[in-house]
Amino acid sequence: MRGHKYVGWRRVEGWTCVRCGACCRKFVVTLSPGEAMYYAVKYGPVVLHYGREFYLAKRHDGSCVFLRMSEGKAYWLVYSDRPRVCRMYPFYVTEKPLHGGGSDAEIAHRGRTLYLYVDALCPGVDTASNMEYLARRVLETWSRLYGK
């Protein structure tokens, strides 16, 4: 969780991607073994293996190998094919609260209690008034991507 400032979804008004590319420069992207194999086969040497972990490679400037900037806007060259963690950012779903009681992050989904957090450091946080809508979409995406 280093580099993130996760707050419960109830403390956020909304979010929209402002295409700043900060997340594509700042964070290391962890891949599942299946994702690592997929990216290595499809795109070549874009996966790093360290110990038991797999990561998406970065360029010399620290940005994601698939990030391109044009006129101040970020573009991911294979947007529809991005890793699970990138599809979820700036949201984080967990089955246990990260800190405290988690009441500001608690949310019911398919008969169980989950905790939904938003990285308050993302520049797109609170740029829209759509959190109720996004919360449901994020949980459905999380369920589909992680099989939960």
N, C-alpha and C. Protein backbone atom coordinates (compact mmCIF):
# COMPACT_ATOMS: atom_id res chain seq x y z
N MET A 1 0.81 -1.20 0.00
CA MET A 1 0.00 0.00 0.00
C MET A 1 0.85 1.27 0.00
N ARG A 2 2.15 1.11 -0.13
CA ARG A 2 3.02 2.29 -0.15
C ARG A 2 2.68 3.18 -1.34
N GLY A 3 2.71 4.47 -1.08
CA GLY A 3 2.45 5.43 -2.14
C GLY A 3 0.98 5.74 -2.36
N HIS A 4 0.12 5.10 -1.59
CA HIS A 4 -1.31 5.33 -1.72
C HIS A 4 -1.84 5.99 -0.45
N LYS A 5 -2.94 6.69 -0.59
CA LYS A 5 -3.65 7.25 0.56
C LYS A 5 -5.11 6.82 0.43
N TYR A 6 -5.36 5.58 0.84
CA TYR A 6 -6.70 5.02 0.68
C TYR A 6 -7.66 5.57 1.73
N VAL A 7 -8.80 6.04 1.23
CA VAL A 7 -9.88 6.51 2.09
C VAL A 7 -11.15 5.74 1.69
N GLY A 8 -12.06 5.60 2.64
CA GLY A 8 -13.31 4.91 2.36
C GLY A 8 -14.11 5.63 1.28
N TRP A 9 -14.80 4.85 0.48
CA TRP A 9 -15.55 5.40 -0.65
C TRP A 9 -16.61 6.41 -0.22
N ARG A 10 -17.12 6.31 0.99
CA ARG A 10 -18.14 7.24 1.48
C ARG A 10 -17.58 8.65 1.71
N ARG A 11 -16.27 8.78 1.76
CA ARG A 11 -15.63 10.08 1.96
C ARG A 11 -15.27 10.76 0.63
N VAL A 12 -15.65 10.14 -0.46
CA VAL A 12 -15.32 10.65 -1.79
C VAL A 12 -16.60 11.00 -2.54
N GLU A 13 -16.61 12.15 -3.16
CA GLU A 13 -17.79 12.58 -3.92
C GLU A 13 -17.90 11.85 -5.25
N GLY A 14 -16.76 11.62 -5.88
CA GLY A 14 -16.77 10.94 -7.16
C GLY A 14 -15.38 10.87 -7.75
N TRP A 15 -15.31 10.39 -8.97
CA TRP A 15 -14.02 10.25 -9.65
C TRP A 15 -14.24 10.24 -11.15
N THR A 16 -13.27 10.77 -11.85
CA THR A 16 -13.16 10.63 -13.30
C THR A 16 -11.68 10.66 -13.65
N CYS A 17 -11.29 9.90 -14.62
CA CYS A 17 -9.88 9.90 -15.02
C CYS A 17 -9.59 11.21 -15.74
N VAL A 18 -8.58 11.92 -15.25
CA VAL A 18 -8.20 13.19 -15.88
C VAL A 18 -7.04 12.99 -16.85
N ARG A 19 -6.67 11.73 -17.06
CA ARG A 19 -5.63 11.32 -18.02
C ARG A 19 -4.31 12.05 -17.81
N CYS A 20 -3.93 12.17 -16.53
CA CYS A 20 -2.66 12.82 -16.20
C CYS A 20 -1.48 11.86 -16.35
N GLY A 21 -1.73 10.56 -16.24
CA GLY A 21 -0.68 9.56 -16.37
C GLY A 21 0.14 9.35 -15.11
N ALA A 22 -0.22 10.01 -14.02
CA ALA A 22 0.56 9.89 -12.78
C ALA A 22 0.62 8.44 -12.29
N CYS A 23 -0.48 7.73 -12.36
CA CYS A 23 -0.49 6.34 -11.90
C CYS A 23 0.42 5.46 -12.76
N CYS A 24 0.55 5.79 -14.03
CA CYS A 24 1.38 5.01 -14.95
C CYS A 24 2.87 5.31 -14.78
N ARG A 25 3.16 6.37 -14.08
CA ARG A 25 4.56 6.72 -13.80
C ARG A 25 4.96 6.37 -12.38
N LYS A 26 4.02 6.49 -11.47
CA LYS A 26 4.33 6.38 -10.04
C LYS A 26 4.38 4.95 -9.52
N PHE A 27 3.50 4.09 -9.98
CA PHE A 27 3.33 2.78 -9.35
C PHE A 27 3.96 1.65 -10.15
N VAL A 28 4.39 0.65 -9.40
CA VAL A 28 4.86 -0.61 -9.98
C VAL A 28 3.63 -1.49 -10.12
N VAL A 29 3.45 -2.08 -11.28
CA VAL A 29 2.27 -2.90 -11.54
C VAL A 29 2.61 -4.37 -11.33
N THR A 30 2.00 -4.96 -10.30
CA THR A 30 2.17 -6.38 -10.02
C THR A 30 1.22 -7.17 -10.90
N LEU A 31 1.72 -8.24 -11.48
CA LEU A 31 0.93 -9.09 -12.36
C LEU A 31 0.75 -10.47 -11.73
N SER A 32 -0.39 -11.08 -11.98
CA SER A 32 -0.57 -12.48 -11.58
C SER A 32 0.29 -13.33 -12.52
N PRO A 33 0.61 -14.56 -12.15
CA PRO A 33 1.39 -15.41 -13.05
C PRO A 33 0.73 -15.56 -14.43
N GLY A 34 -0.60 -15.67 -14.44
CA GLY A 34 -1.31 -15.79 -15.72
C GLY A 34 -1.19 -14.53 -16.57
N GLU A 35 -1.32 -13.37 -15.92
CA GLU A 35 -1.15 -12.11 -16.65
C GLU A 35 0.27 -11.98 -17.17
N ALA A 36 1.24 -12.38 -16.34
CA ALA A 36 2.65 -12.29 -16.75
C ALA A 36 2.90 -13.12 -18.00
N MET A 37 2.38 -14.32 -18.02
CA MET A 37 2.57 -15.18 -19.19
C MET A 37 1.87 -14.58 -20.41
N TYR A 38 0.67 -14.09 -20.22
CA TYR A 38 -0.09 -13.49 -21.31
C TYR A 38 0.66 -12.30 -21.93
N TYR A 39 1.13 -11.38 -21.08
CA TYR A 39 1.82 -10.20 -21.60
C TYR A 39 3.15 -10.56 -22.26
N ALA A 40 3.88 -11.52 -21.69
CA ALA A 40 5.15 -11.94 -22.27
C ALA A 40 4.95 -12.57 -23.64
N VAL A 41 3.92 -13.39 -23.77
CA VAL A 41 3.66 -14.04 -25.06
C VAL A 41 3.14 -13.03 -26.07
N LYS A 42 2.22 -12.18 -25.67
CA LYS A 42 1.58 -11.26 -26.62
C LYS A 42 2.47 -10.06 -26.98
N TYR A 43 3.21 -9.51 -25.99
CA TYR A 43 3.93 -8.26 -26.23
C TYR A 43 5.45 -8.38 -26.14
N GLY A 44 5.97 -9.56 -25.84
CA GLY A 44 7.41 -9.73 -25.77
C GLY A 44 7.96 -9.41 -24.39
N PRO A 45 9.18 -8.88 -24.32
CA PRO A 45 9.85 -8.69 -23.02
C PRO A 45 9.35 -7.47 -22.24
N VAL A 46 8.11 -7.54 -21.77
CA VAL A 46 7.53 -6.43 -21.00
C VAL A 46 7.24 -6.84 -19.56
N VAL A 47 7.68 -8.05 -19.18
CA VAL A 47 7.43 -8.56 -17.84
C VAL A 47 8.76 -8.78 -17.12
N LEU A 48 8.82 -8.34 -15.88
CA LEU A 48 9.98 -8.58 -15.03
C LEU A 48 9.60 -9.61 -13.98
N HIS A 49 10.54 -10.48 -13.66
CA HIS A 49 10.31 -11.52 -12.66
C HIS A 49 11.33 -11.33 -11.55
N TYR A 50 10.85 -11.16 -10.33
CA TYR A 50 11.74 -10.96 -9.20
C TYR A 50 11.24 -11.82 -8.05
N GLY A 51 12.03 -12.80 -7.67
CA GLY A 51 11.58 -13.74 -6.63
C GLY A 51 10.37 -14.51 -7.14
N ARG A 52 9.27 -14.41 -6.40
CA ARG A 52 8.04 -15.08 -6.81
C ARG A 52 7.03 -14.12 -7.40
N GLU A 53 7.43 -12.90 -7.65
CA GLU A 53 6.53 -11.85 -8.14
C GLU A 53 6.83 -11.51 -9.61
N PHE A 54 5.78 -11.05 -10.29
CA PHE A 54 5.90 -10.59 -11.67
C PHE A 54 5.44 -9.14 -11.74
N TYR A 55 6.12 -8.36 -12.57
CA TYR A 55 5.82 -6.93 -12.69
C TYR A 55 5.83 -6.51 -14.15
N LEU A 56 5.03 -5.51 -14.46
CA LEU A 56 5.05 -4.91 -15.78
C LEU A 56 6.28 -4.00 -15.85
N ALA A 57 7.05 -4.11 -16.89
CA ALA A 57 8.29 -3.34 -17.03
C ALA A 57 8.01 -1.85 -17.15
N LYS A 58 9.04 -1.08 -16.81
CA LYS A 58 8.98 0.37 -16.93
C LYS A 58 10.09 0.83 -17.87
N ARG A 59 9.89 1.98 -18.46
CA ARG A 59 10.94 2.58 -19.29
C ARG A 59 11.96 3.26 -18.39
N HIS A 60 13.03 3.75 -18.97
CA HIS A 60 14.10 4.39 -18.20
C HIS A 60 13.62 5.60 -17.40
N ASP A 61 12.58 6.27 -17.87
CA ASP A 61 12.07 7.43 -17.14
C ASP A 61 11.11 7.04 -16.01
N GLY A 62 10.88 5.74 -15.81
CA GLY A 62 10.03 5.26 -14.74
C GLY A 62 8.58 5.07 -15.13
N SER A 63 8.22 5.38 -16.35
CA SER A 63 6.83 5.24 -16.78
C SER A 63 6.57 3.84 -17.33
N CYS A 64 5.33 3.46 -17.35
CA CYS A 64 4.90 2.17 -17.89
C CYS A 64 5.33 2.04 -19.35
N VAL A 65 5.70 0.83 -19.74
CA VAL A 65 6.12 0.60 -21.11
C VAL A 65 5.03 0.91 -22.12
N PHE A 66 3.77 0.89 -21.69
CA PHE A 66 2.66 1.13 -22.60
C PHE A 66 2.11 2.55 -22.55
N LEU A 67 2.67 3.40 -21.70
CA LEU A 67 2.19 4.78 -21.57
C LEU A 67 2.78 5.67 -22.65
N ARG A 68 1.92 6.49 -23.24
CA ARG A 68 2.36 7.54 -24.16
C ARG A 68 1.63 8.81 -23.77
N MET A 69 2.35 9.92 -23.81
CA MET A 69 1.77 11.22 -23.51
C MET A 69 1.70 12.01 -24.80
N SER A 70 0.58 12.70 -25.00
CA SER A 70 0.41 13.54 -26.18
C SER A 70 -0.40 14.76 -25.78
N GLU A 71 0.15 15.91 -25.99
CA GLU A 71 -0.51 17.17 -25.66
C GLU A 71 -1.00 17.18 -24.21
N GLY A 72 -0.16 16.65 -23.30
CA GLY A 72 -0.48 16.66 -21.88
C GLY A 72 -1.47 15.61 -21.42
N LYS A 73 -1.89 14.73 -22.31
CA LYS A 73 -2.86 13.68 -21.97
C LYS A 73 -2.19 12.30 -22.07
N ALA A 74 -2.53 11.43 -21.14
CA ALA A 74 -1.99 10.08 -21.11
C ALA A 74 -2.80 9.14 -21.99
N TYR A 75 -2.09 8.28 -22.69
CA TYR A 75 -2.71 7.24 -23.51
C TYR A 75 -2.01 5.93 -23.19
N TRP A 76 -2.78 4.88 -22.98
CA TRP A 76 -2.20 3.57 -22.78
C TRP A 76 -2.34 2.85 -24.10
N LEU A 77 -1.23 2.44 -24.69
CA LEU A 77 -1.24 1.90 -26.04
C LEU A 77 -2.12 0.67 -26.22
N VAL A 78 -2.31 -0.09 -25.17
CA VAL A 78 -3.17 -1.28 -25.24
C VAL A 78 -4.24 -1.17 -24.15
N TYR A 79 -4.96 -0.07 -24.14
CA TYR A 79 -5.92 0.26 -23.08
C TYR A 79 -6.89 -0.88 -22.78
N SER A 80 -7.48 -1.48 -23.79
CA SER A 80 -8.48 -2.52 -23.56
C SER A 80 -7.84 -3.82 -23.07
N ASP A 81 -6.52 -3.87 -23.01
CA ASP A 81 -5.80 -5.07 -22.63
C ASP A 81 -4.95 -4.84 -21.37
N ARG A 82 -5.33 -3.83 -20.56
CA ARG A 82 -4.50 -3.49 -19.39
C ARG A 82 -4.69 -4.48 -18.25
N PRO A 83 -3.69 -4.58 -17.35
CA PRO A 83 -3.77 -5.51 -16.22
C PRO A 83 -4.93 -5.21 -15.27
N ARG A 84 -5.29 -6.22 -14.48
CA ARG A 84 -6.41 -6.07 -13.54
C ARG A 84 -6.22 -4.89 -12.59
N VAL A 85 -5.03 -4.78 -12.02
CA VAL A 85 -4.81 -3.71 -11.04
C VAL A 85 -4.98 -2.33 -11.70
N CYS A 86 -4.63 -2.21 -12.95
CA CYS A 86 -4.79 -0.94 -13.67
C CYS A 86 -6.26 -0.67 -13.97
N ARG A 87 -7.02 -1.70 -14.22
CA ARG A 87 -8.46 -1.54 -14.47
C ARG A 87 -9.17 -1.06 -13.21
N MET A 88 -8.64 -1.42 -12.05
CA MET A 88 -9.28 -1.07 -10.78
C MET A 88 -8.86 0.29 -10.24
N TYR A 89 -7.66 0.74 -10.55
CA TYR A 89 -7.16 1.97 -9.95
C TYR A 89 -8.04 3.17 -10.32
N PRO A 90 -8.34 4.07 -9.36
CA PRO A 90 -7.79 4.26 -8.02
C PRO A 90 -8.56 3.54 -6.91
N PHE A 91 -9.32 2.53 -7.28
CA PHE A 91 -10.14 1.81 -6.32
C PHE A 91 -9.44 0.56 -5.82
N TYR A 92 -9.74 0.21 -4.58
CA TYR A 92 -9.17 -0.98 -3.98
C TYR A 92 -10.27 -1.65 -3.16
N VAL A 93 -10.52 -2.92 -3.44
CA VAL A 93 -11.57 -3.68 -2.75
C VAL A 93 -10.90 -4.75 -1.91
N THR A 94 -11.37 -4.89 -0.68
CA THR A 94 -10.83 -5.91 0.21
C THR A 94 -11.95 -6.50 1.06
N GLU A 95 -11.69 -7.67 1.59
CA GLU A 95 -12.68 -8.34 2.42
C GLU A 95 -12.55 -7.98 3.89
N LYS A 96 -11.50 -7.26 4.25
CA LYS A 96 -11.29 -6.80 5.63
C LYS A 96 -10.90 -5.32 5.57
N PRO A 97 -11.31 -4.55 6.57
CA PRO A 97 -10.96 -3.11 6.55
C PRO A 97 -9.45 -2.90 6.64
N LEU A 98 -8.96 -1.86 5.97
CA LEU A 98 -7.54 -1.55 5.99
C LEU A 98 -7.11 -0.95 7.32
N HIS A 99 -7.96 -0.12 7.89
CA HIS A 99 -7.63 0.56 9.14
C HIS A 99 -8.90 0.91 9.88
N GLY A 100 -8.80 0.92 11.20
CA GLY A 100 -9.97 1.27 12.01
C GLY A 100 -11.13 0.32 11.78
N GLY A 101 -12.31 0.84 12.01
CA GLY A 101 -13.51 0.04 11.85
C GLY A 101 -13.94 -0.14 10.41
N GLY A 102 -13.50 0.73 9.54
CA GLY A 102 -13.84 0.61 8.13
C GLY A 102 -15.24 1.02 7.76
N SER A 103 -15.95 1.71 8.65
CA SER A 103 -17.35 2.05 8.37
C SER A 103 -17.48 2.97 7.15
N ASP A 104 -16.48 3.81 6.89
CA ASP A 104 -16.54 4.70 5.73
C ASP A 104 -16.26 3.96 4.42
N ALA A 105 -15.78 2.72 4.52
CA ALA A 105 -15.47 1.93 3.33
C ALA A 105 -16.41 0.74 3.15
N GLU A 106 -17.20 0.44 4.15
CA GLU A 106 -18.06 -0.74 4.13
C GLU A 106 -19.12 -0.63 3.05
N ILE A 107 -19.34 -1.77 2.37
CA ILE A 107 -20.36 -1.81 1.33
C ILE A 107 -20.83 -3.25 1.16
N ALA A 108 -22.12 -3.42 0.97
CA ALA A 108 -22.69 -4.76 0.76
C ALA A 108 -22.62 -5.10 -0.72
N HIS A 109 -22.23 -6.34 -0.99
CA HIS A 109 -22.15 -6.80 -2.38
C HIS A 109 -22.43 -8.30 -2.42
N ARG A 110 -23.48 -8.67 -3.12
CA ARG A 110 -23.85 -10.07 -3.31
C ARG A 110 -23.93 -10.83 -1.99
N GLY A 111 -24.58 -10.20 -1.01
CA GLY A 111 -24.84 -10.85 0.26
C GLY A 111 -23.67 -10.88 1.24
N ARG A 112 -22.63 -10.14 0.95
CA ARG A 112 -21.51 -10.10 1.89
C ARG A 112 -21.01 -8.68 2.07
N THR A 113 -20.24 -8.46 3.11
CA THR A 113 -19.69 -7.14 3.39
C THR A 113 -18.28 -7.05 2.84
N LEU A 114 -18.05 -6.02 2.04
CA LEU A 114 -16.73 -5.73 1.49
C LEU A 114 -16.33 -4.32 1.92
N TYR A 115 -15.10 -3.97 1.60
CA TYR A 115 -14.59 -2.63 1.92
C TYR A 115 -14.01 -2.05 0.65
N LEU A 116 -14.53 -0.88 0.26
CA LEU A 116 -14.13 -0.21 -0.97
C LEU A 116 -13.40 1.07 -0.61
N TYR A 117 -12.19 1.18 -1.13
CA TYR A 117 -11.35 2.35 -0.87
C TYR A 117 -11.00 3.05 -2.17
N VAL A 118 -10.66 4.33 -2.04
CA VAL A 118 -10.25 5.15 -3.18
C VAL A 118 -8.93 5.81 -2.81
N ASP A 119 -7.99 5.81 -3.73
CA ASP A 119 -6.70 6.46 -3.49
C ASP A 119 -6.89 7.96 -3.63
N ALA A 120 -6.90 8.66 -2.49
CA ALA A 120 -7.14 10.11 -2.48
C ALA A 120 -6.04 10.90 -3.17
N LEU A 121 -4.90 10.26 -3.46
CA LEU A 121 -3.81 10.96 -4.15
C LEU A 121 -4.02 11.05 -5.66
N CYS A 122 -4.98 10.31 -6.18
CA CYS A 122 -5.28 10.38 -7.62
C CYS A 122 -5.90 11.74 -7.91
N PRO A 123 -5.37 12.48 -8.89
CA PRO A 123 -5.91 13.80 -9.22
C PRO A 123 -7.37 13.79 -9.69
N GLY A 124 -7.88 12.64 -10.10
CA GLY A 124 -9.26 12.56 -10.57
C GLY A 124 -10.29 12.42 -9.47
N VAL A 125 -9.83 12.22 -8.23
CA VAL A 125 -10.76 12.07 -7.10
C VAL A 125 -11.45 13.40 -6.82
N ASP A 126 -12.75 13.32 -6.61
CA ASP A 126 -13.61 14.47 -6.34
C ASP A 126 -13.72 15.45 -7.50
N THR A 127 -13.54 14.96 -8.72
CA THR A 127 -13.75 15.79 -9.91
C THR A 127 -15.12 15.54 -10.53
N ALA A 128 -15.90 14.67 -9.89
CA ALA A 128 -17.25 14.35 -10.38
C ALA A 128 -18.12 14.03 -9.17
N SER A 129 -19.42 13.93 -9.39
CA SER A 129 -20.37 13.55 -8.34
C SER A 129 -21.04 12.25 -8.73
N ASN A 130 -20.26 11.17 -8.78
CA ASN A 130 -20.77 9.91 -9.29
C ASN A 130 -20.39 8.70 -8.44
N MET A 131 -20.07 8.90 -7.17
CA MET A 131 -19.53 7.80 -6.36
C MET A 131 -20.51 6.67 -6.15
N GLU A 132 -21.79 6.95 -5.94
CA GLU A 132 -22.77 5.87 -5.77
C GLU A 132 -22.79 4.96 -7.00
N TYR A 133 -22.81 5.55 -8.17
CA TYR A 133 -22.79 4.79 -9.41
C TYR A 133 -21.48 4.01 -9.55
N LEU A 134 -20.36 4.68 -9.31
CA LEU A 134 -19.06 4.04 -9.46
C LEU A 134 -18.86 2.88 -8.50
N ALA A 135 -19.34 3.03 -7.27
CA ALA A 135 -19.16 1.98 -6.27
C ALA A 135 -19.72 0.66 -6.79
N ARG A 136 -20.91 0.68 -7.34
CA ARG A 136 -21.52 -0.55 -7.87
C ARG A 136 -20.74 -1.09 -9.07
N ARG A 137 -20.33 -0.20 -9.96
CA ARG A 137 -19.55 -0.62 -11.14
C ARG A 137 -18.21 -1.23 -10.73
N VAL A 138 -17.55 -0.60 -9.77
CA VAL A 138 -16.25 -1.09 -9.30
C VAL A 138 -16.40 -2.49 -8.70
N LEU A 139 -17.43 -2.71 -7.90
CA LEU A 139 -17.62 -4.03 -7.28
C LEU A 139 -17.93 -5.10 -8.32
N GLU A 140 -18.70 -4.75 -9.32
CA GLU A 140 -18.98 -5.71 -10.40
C GLU A 140 -17.70 -6.03 -11.18
N THR A 141 -16.91 -5.01 -11.46
CA THR A 141 -15.64 -5.22 -12.16
C THR A 141 -14.71 -6.09 -11.31
N TRP A 142 -14.61 -5.78 -10.04
CA TRP A 142 -13.77 -6.56 -9.12
C TRP A 142 -14.21 -8.02 -9.11
N SER A 143 -15.50 -8.27 -9.00
CA SER A 143 -16.03 -9.64 -8.99
C SER A 143 -15.67 -10.38 -10.27
N ARG A 144 -15.81 -9.69 -11.39
CA ARG A 144 -15.50 -10.31 -12.69
C ARG A 144 -14.01 -10.57 -12.83
N LEU A 145 -13.17 -9.63 -12.48
CA LEU A 145 -11.72 -9.76 -12.67
C LEU A 145 -11.07 -10.75 -11.70
N TYR A 146 -11.58 -10.78 -10.48
CA TYR A 146 -10.95 -11.61 -9.45
C TYR A 146 -11.75 -12.85 -9.10
N GLY A 147 -12.88 -13.06 -9.79
CA GLY A 147 -13.68 -14.25 -9.58
C GLY A 147 -14.25 -14.39 -8.19
N LYS A 148 -14.67 -13.24 -7.62
CA LYS A 148 -15.16 -13.26 -6.23
C LYS A 148 -16.63 -12.90 -6.17
